[in-house]
Amino acid sequence: MAALNRGLELLESAIGYALTSLADVRPTRLDGPTPCREWTLELLLVHLGDSILALRQAVGDGRVDQVGRGGNHRTPTAGVRAEAIALLETCASVRTDESIVRVGDRKLPGSLAAVTGAMEISVHGWDIGVASGLRRPIPPLLAGVLLALAPVVLPPRIRPGLFDEPVALPAEATVSDRLVAFLGRHP
């Protein structure tokens, strides 16, 4: 698929979207619910910061050594912002999707790692917006490409435990709503 070759571009777009959603986070909402079952907004932000750190390792080093070692920031919001900016800097220095990324004993194309990261960051950017009281849709161009790639990135066999089952929507639903519904959210 040609869109897989645009992994870094999609990742950069997803980061921009998530940073926009992050601007709406208020400290008074950190202990509030999110579309992610059993997660508060604070836990979601910590998870996203850790995910972005892992993506930075994947893009920059070609491997993911440790996940969940972030958290040296004043607030979870500051942590996500710092990791996102560092990932953008890494993407700017790499500029190729042709690498191989090692995650544990597995290998995957760098382009697939970047697209997977773009999907993760986009959907959690949407989650942050909902938890902050604003339903900011994923930009249509980004959502459309990610929706087309979603079955490749998230085949049914790996879905359990990662995402709820897709949510049925009317045919006239926006592409952003269809993407988050595919990822088990209720737009």
C-alpha atoms as a PDB file:
ATOM      1  CA  MET A   1       0.000   0.000   0.000  1.00  0.00           C
ATOM      2  CA  ALA A   2       1.393   3.358  -1.016  1.00  0.00           C
ATOM      3  CA  ALA A   3       0.177   5.032   2.177  1.00  0.00           C
ATOM      4  CA  LEU A   4       2.513   2.848   4.232  1.00  0.00           C
ATOM      5  CA  ASN A   5       5.383   4.666   2.558  1.00  0.00           C
ATOM      6  CA  ARG A   6       4.085   7.893   4.098  1.00  0.00           C
ATOM      7  CA  GLY A   7       4.406   6.606   7.669  1.00  0.00           C
ATOM      8  CA  LEU A   8       6.571   9.436   9.001  1.00  0.00           C
ATOM      9  CA  GLU A   9       4.339  12.048   7.368  1.00  0.00           C
ATOM     10  CA  LEU A  10       1.269  10.456   8.988  1.00  0.00           C
ATOM     11  CA  LEU A  11       3.076  10.296  12.310  1.00  0.00           C
ATOM     12  CA  GLU A  12       3.914  13.996  12.128  1.00  0.00           C
ATOM     13  CA  SER A  13       0.307  14.856  11.283  1.00  0.00           C
ATOM     14  CA  ALA A  14      -0.977  12.744  14.177  1.00  0.00           C
ATOM     15  CA  ILE A  15       1.386  14.478  16.578  1.00  0.00           C
ATOM     16  CA  GLY A  16       0.162  17.892  15.451  1.00  0.00           C
ATOM     17  CA  TYR A  17      -3.429  16.815  16.003  1.00  0.00           C
ATOM     18  CA  ALA A  18      -2.691  15.346  19.448  1.00  0.00           C
ATOM     19  CA  LEU A  19      -0.801  18.471  20.526  1.00  0.00           C
ATOM     20  CA  THR A  20      -3.845  20.540  19.564  1.00  0.00           C
ATOM     21  CA  SER A  21      -6.053  18.315  21.735  1.00  0.00           C
ATOM     22  CA  LEU A  22      -3.493  18.492  24.531  1.00  0.00           C
ATOM     23  CA  ALA A  23      -3.880  22.278  24.645  1.00  0.00           C
ATOM     24  CA  ASP A  24      -7.435  21.774  25.949  1.00  0.00           C
ATOM     25  CA  VAL A  25      -6.412  19.705  28.997  1.00  0.00           C
ATOM     26  CA  ARG A  26      -7.153  21.355  32.327  1.00  0.00           C
ATOM     27  CA  PRO A  27      -5.651  20.067  35.606  1.00  0.00           C
ATOM     28  CA  THR A  28      -9.147  19.807  37.101  1.00  0.00           C
ATOM     29  CA  ARG A  29     -10.021  17.103  34.546  1.00  0.00           C
ATOM     30  CA  LEU A  30      -6.995  14.840  35.095  1.00  0.00           C
ATOM     31  CA  ASP A  31      -8.889  12.468  37.382  1.00  0.00           C
ATOM     32  CA  GLY A  32     -11.892  12.362  35.046  1.00  0.00           C
ATOM     33  CA  PRO A  33     -12.952   9.527  32.728  1.00  0.00           C
ATOM     34  CA  THR A  34     -11.842   8.936  29.156  1.00  0.00           C
ATOM     35  CA  PRO A  35     -13.189   6.812  26.307  1.00  0.00           C
ATOM     36  CA  CYS A  36     -10.541   4.259  27.368  1.00  0.00           C
ATOM     37  CA  ARG A  37     -12.257   2.045  29.897  1.00  0.00           C
ATOM     38  CA  GLU A  38     -10.838   2.240  33.423  1.00  0.00           C
ATOM     39  CA  TRP A  39      -8.371   5.025  32.552  1.00  0.00           C
ATOM     40  CA  THR A  40      -8.462   8.534  33.898  1.00  0.00           C
ATOM     41  CA  LEU A  41      -7.185  11.348  31.734  1.00  0.00           C
ATOM     42  CA  GLU A  42      -3.970  11.350  33.759  1.00  0.00           C
ATOM     43  CA  LEU A  43      -3.377   7.622  33.115  1.00  0.00           C
ATOM     44  CA  LEU A  44      -4.132   8.116  29.424  1.00  0.00           C
ATOM     45  CA  LEU A  45      -1.581  10.933  29.244  1.00  0.00           C
ATOM     46  CA  VAL A  46       1.081   8.816  30.958  1.00  0.00           C
ATOM     47  CA  HIS A  47       0.340   5.946  28.556  1.00  0.00           C
ATOM     48  CA  LEU A  48       0.540   8.250  25.539  1.00  0.00           C
ATOM     49  CA  GLY A  49       3.831   9.732  26.739  1.00  0.00           C
ATOM     50  CA  ASP A  50       5.270   6.228  27.128  1.00  0.00           C
ATOM     51  CA  SER A  51       3.955   5.222  23.682  1.00  0.00           C
ATOM     52  CA  ILE A  52       5.547   8.260  22.076  1.00  0.00           C
ATOM     53  CA  LEU A  53       8.840   7.494  23.825  1.00  0.00           C
ATOM     54  CA  ALA A  54       8.717   3.958  22.385  1.00  0.00           C
ATOM     55  CA  LEU A  55       7.989   5.382  18.924  1.00  0.00           C
ATOM     56  CA  ARG A  56      10.931   7.735  19.240  1.00  0.00           C
ATOM     57  CA  GLN A  57      13.155   4.742  19.991  1.00  0.00           C
ATOM     58  CA  ALA A  58      11.685   2.861  17.026  1.00  0.00           C
ATOM     59  CA  VAL A  59      12.114   5.733  14.570  1.00  0.00           C
ATOM     60  CA  GLY A  60      15.488   6.927  15.857  1.00  0.00           C
ATOM     61  CA  ASP A  61      17.228   3.745  16.977  1.00  0.00           C
ATOM     62  CA  GLY A  62      15.400   1.075  15.004  1.00  0.00           C
ATOM     63  CA  ARG A  63      14.474  -0.764  18.185  1.00  0.00           C
ATOM     64  CA  VAL A  64      12.257  -0.479  21.220  1.00  0.00           C
ATOM     65  CA  ASP A  65      14.189  -1.373  24.359  1.00  0.00           C
ATOM     66  CA  GLN A  66      12.048  -0.118  27.193  1.00  0.00           C
ATOM     67  CA  VAL A  67       8.487   1.005  27.419  1.00  0.00           C
ATOM     68  CA  GLY A  68       7.080   2.846  30.396  1.00  0.00           C
ATOM     69  CA  ARG A  69      10.176   4.646  31.553  1.00  0.00           C
ATOM     70  CA  GLY A  70       8.867   8.146  30.978  1.00  0.00           C
ATOM     71  CA  GLY A  71       7.401  10.309  33.703  1.00  0.00           C
ATOM     72  CA  ASN A  72      10.256  12.631  34.600  1.00  0.00           C
ATOM     73  CA  HIS A  73       8.124  15.646  33.799  1.00  0.00           C
ATOM     74  CA  ARG A  74       6.325  18.134  35.991  1.00  0.00           C
ATOM     75  CA  THR A  75       2.897  17.072  34.735  1.00  0.00           C
ATOM     76  CA  PRO A  76       1.600  14.328  32.431  1.00  0.00           C
ATOM     77  CA  THR A  77       0.640  17.010  29.926  1.00  0.00           C
ATOM     78  CA  ALA A  78       4.187  18.382  29.922  1.00  0.00           C
ATOM     79  CA  GLY A  79       5.482  14.837  29.496  1.00  0.00           C
ATOM     80  CA  VAL A  80       3.373  14.153  26.411  1.00  0.00           C
ATOM     81  CA  ARG A  81       4.282  17.522  24.931  1.00  0.00           C
ATOM     82  CA  ALA A  82       8.034  16.986  25.528  1.00  0.00           C
ATOM     83  CA  GLU A  83       7.982  13.446  24.110  1.00  0.00           C
ATOM     84  CA  ALA A  84       5.943  14.565  21.088  1.00  0.00           C
ATOM     85  CA  ILE A  85       8.370  17.376  20.293  1.00  0.00           C
ATOM     86  CA  ALA A  86      11.327  15.010  20.695  1.00  0.00           C
ATOM     87  CA  LEU A  87       9.626  12.537  18.324  1.00  0.00           C
ATOM     88  CA  LEU A  88       9.059  15.288  15.746  1.00  0.00           C
ATOM     89  CA  GLU A  89      12.754  16.175  15.968  1.00  0.00           C
ATOM     90  CA  THR A  90      13.660  12.519  15.494  1.00  0.00           C
ATOM     91  CA  CYS A  91      11.344  12.223  12.479  1.00  0.00           C
ATOM     92  CA  ALA A  92      12.937  15.317  10.936  1.00  0.00           C
ATOM     93  CA  SER A  93      16.412  13.815  11.263  1.00  0.00           C
ATOM     94  CA  VAL A  94      15.525  10.337   9.937  1.00  0.00           C
ATOM     95  CA  ARG A  95      13.347  11.015   6.891  1.00  0.00           C
ATOM     96  CA  THR A  96      13.023   7.423   5.732  1.00  0.00           C
ATOM     97  CA  ASP A  97      10.389   4.771   6.254  1.00  0.00           C
ATOM     98  CA  GLU A  98      12.605   2.008   4.876  1.00  0.00           C
ATOM     99  CA  SER A  99      14.161   0.871   8.151  1.00  0.00           C
ATOM    100  CA  ILE A 100      13.461  -2.284  10.112  1.00  0.00           C
ATOM    101  CA  VAL A 101      12.347  -1.866  13.729  1.00  0.00           C
ATOM    102  CA  ARG A 102      13.057  -4.487  16.363  1.00  0.00           C
ATOM    103  CA  VAL A 103      10.507  -4.849  19.147  1.00  0.00           C
ATOM    104  CA  GLY A 104      11.667  -7.612  21.424  1.00  0.00           C
ATOM    105  CA  ASP A 105      12.338 -10.621  19.200  1.00  0.00           C
ATOM    106  CA  ARG A 106      10.146  -9.340  16.366  1.00  0.00           C
ATOM    107  CA  LYS A 107      11.011  -7.252  13.334  1.00  0.00           C
ATOM    108  CA  LEU A 108       8.667  -4.985  11.422  1.00  0.00           C
ATOM    109  CA  PRO A 109       9.068  -2.407   8.675  1.00  0.00           C
ATOM    110  CA  GLY A 110       9.685   1.102   9.955  1.00  0.00           C
ATOM    111  CA  SER A 111       6.822   2.349   7.810  1.00  0.00           C
ATOM    112  CA  LEU A 112       4.406   0.005   9.601  1.00  0.00           C
ATOM    113  CA  ALA A 113       5.744   1.119  12.994  1.00  0.00           C
ATOM    114  CA  ALA A 114       5.214   4.764  11.988  1.00  0.00           C
ATOM    115  CA  VAL A 115       1.656   4.143  10.745  1.00  0.00           C
ATOM    116  CA  THR A 116       0.846   2.187  13.913  1.00  0.00           C
ATOM    117  CA  GLY A 117       2.192   5.096  15.944  1.00  0.00           C
ATOM    118  CA  ALA A 118       0.145   7.577  13.930  1.00  0.00           C
ATOM    119  CA  MET A 119      -2.986   5.558  14.635  1.00  0.00           C
ATOM    120  CA  GLU A 120      -2.193   5.305  18.370  1.00  0.00           C
ATOM    121  CA  ILE A 121      -1.426   9.012  18.702  1.00  0.00           C
ATOM    122  CA  SER A 122      -4.466  10.071  16.651  1.00  0.00           C
ATOM    123  CA  VAL A 123      -6.985   7.986  18.562  1.00  0.00           C
ATOM    124  CA  HIS A 124      -5.541   9.041  21.910  1.00  0.00           C
ATOM    125  CA  GLY A 125      -5.586  12.659  20.725  1.00  0.00           C
ATOM    126  CA  TRP A 126      -9.306  12.127  20.116  1.00  0.00           C
ATOM    127  CA  ASP A 127      -9.662  10.500  23.549  1.00  0.00           C
ATOM    128  CA  ILE A 128      -7.956  13.507  25.155  1.00  0.00           C
ATOM    129  CA  GLY A 129     -10.336  15.887  23.389  1.00  0.00           C
ATOM    130  CA  VAL A 130     -13.377  13.953  24.581  1.00  0.00           C
ATOM    131  CA  ALA A 131     -12.038  13.752  28.147  1.00  0.00           C
ATOM    132  CA  SER A 132     -11.349  17.497  28.051  1.00  0.00           C
ATOM    133  CA  GLY A 133     -14.930  18.243  27.081  1.00  0.00           C
ATOM    134  CA  LEU A 134     -14.257  18.993  23.420  1.00  0.00           C
ATOM    135  CA  ARG A 135     -14.908  16.579  20.603  1.00  0.00           C
ATOM    136  CA  ARG A 136     -12.247  17.635  18.139  1.00  0.00           C
ATOM    137  CA  PRO A 137     -12.461  15.352  15.066  1.00  0.00           C
ATOM    138  CA  ILE A 138      -9.337  13.769  13.637  1.00  0.00           C
ATOM    139  CA  PRO A 139      -8.484  15.741  10.472  1.00  0.00           C
ATOM    140  CA  PRO A 140     -10.251  14.120   7.497  1.00  0.00           C
ATOM    141  CA  LEU A 141      -7.140  13.476   5.383  1.00  0.00           C
ATOM    142  CA  LEU A 142      -5.317  11.833   8.303  1.00  0.00           C
ATOM    143  CA  ALA A 143      -8.389   9.869   9.393  1.00  0.00           C
ATOM    144  CA  GLY A 144      -9.062   8.678   5.835  1.00  0.00           C
ATOM    145  CA  VAL A 145      -5.580   7.262   5.314  1.00  0.00           C
ATOM    146  CA  LEU A 146      -5.509   5.691   8.779  1.00  0.00           C
ATOM    147  CA  LEU A 147      -8.963   4.172   8.284  1.00  0.00           C
ATOM    148  CA  ALA A 148      -7.814   2.577   5.023  1.00  0.00           C
ATOM    149  CA  LEU A 149      -4.751   1.128   6.781  1.00  0.00           C
ATOM    150  CA  ALA A 150      -6.532   0.148  10.000  1.00  0.00           C
ATOM    151  CA  PRO A 151      -7.296  -3.455   8.958  1.00  0.00           C
ATOM    152  CA  VAL A 152      -3.599  -3.944   8.091  1.00  0.00           C
ATOM    153  CA  VAL A 153      -2.353  -2.418  11.337  1.00  0.00           C
ATOM    154  CA  LEU A 154      -5.026  -3.990  13.523  1.00  0.00           C
ATOM    155  CA  PRO A 155      -6.138  -7.358  12.124  1.00  0.00           C
ATOM    156  CA  PRO A 156      -8.781  -9.229  14.141  1.00  0.00           C
ATOM    157  CA  ARG A 157      -6.284 -11.715  15.591  1.00  0.00           C
ATOM    158  CA  ILE A 158      -4.354  -9.036  17.530  1.00  0.00           C
ATOM    159  CA  ARG A 159      -7.313  -6.855  18.489  1.00  0.00           C
ATOM    160  CA  PRO A 160      -8.379  -8.555  21.775  1.00  0.00           C
ATOM    161  CA  GLY A 161      -6.982  -6.730  24.774  1.00  0.00           C
ATOM    162  CA  LEU A 162      -5.900  -3.761  22.703  1.00  0.00           C
ATOM    163  CA  PHE A 163      -9.175  -2.392  21.364  1.00  0.00           C
ATOM    164  CA  ASP A 164     -12.853  -3.043  21.854  1.00  0.00           C
ATOM    165  CA  GLU A 165     -14.840  -4.388  18.933  1.00  0.00           C
ATOM    166  CA  PRO A 166     -15.717  -1.879  16.190  1.00  0.00           C
ATOM    167  CA  VAL A 167     -18.816   0.218  16.801  1.00  0.00           C
ATOM    168  CA  ALA A 168     -21.515   0.285  14.105  1.00  0.00           C
ATOM    169  CA  LEU A 169     -22.265   3.731  12.680  1.00  0.00           C
ATOM    170  CA  PRO A 170     -24.706   5.105  10.101  1.00  0.00           C
ATOM    171  CA  ALA A 171     -23.385   5.325   6.535  1.00  0.00           C
ATOM    172  CA  GLU A 172     -23.233   9.129   6.686  1.00  0.00           C
ATOM    173  CA  ALA A 173     -20.749   9.147   9.613  1.00  0.00           C
ATOM    174  CA  THR A 174     -17.619  11.248   9.111  1.00  0.00           C
ATOM    175  CA  VAL A 175     -14.311   9.565   8.374  1.00  0.00           C
ATOM    176  CA  SER A 176     -13.055  10.641  11.825  1.00  0.00           C
ATOM    177  CA  ASP A 177     -16.044   8.993  13.485  1.00  0.00           C
ATOM    178  CA  ARG A 178     -15.588   5.842  11.388  1.00  0.00           C
ATOM    179  CA  LEU A 179     -11.918   5.604  12.408  1.00  0.00           C
ATOM    180  CA  VAL A 180     -12.567   5.965  16.131  1.00  0.00           C
ATOM    181  CA  ALA A 181     -15.528   3.567  15.832  1.00  0.00           C
ATOM    182  CA  PHE A 182     -13.275   1.012  14.147  1.00  0.00           C
ATOM    183  CA  LEU A 183     -11.007   1.395  17.170  1.00  0.00           C
ATOM    184  CA  GLY A 184     -13.872   0.626  19.560  1.00  0.00           C
ATOM    185  CA  ARG A 185     -14.889   4.151  20.521  1.00  0.00           C
ATOM    186  CA  HIS A 186     -18.398   5.587  20.505  1.00  0.00           C
ATOM    187  CA  PRO A 187     -18.270   8.838  18.561  1.00  0.00           C
END
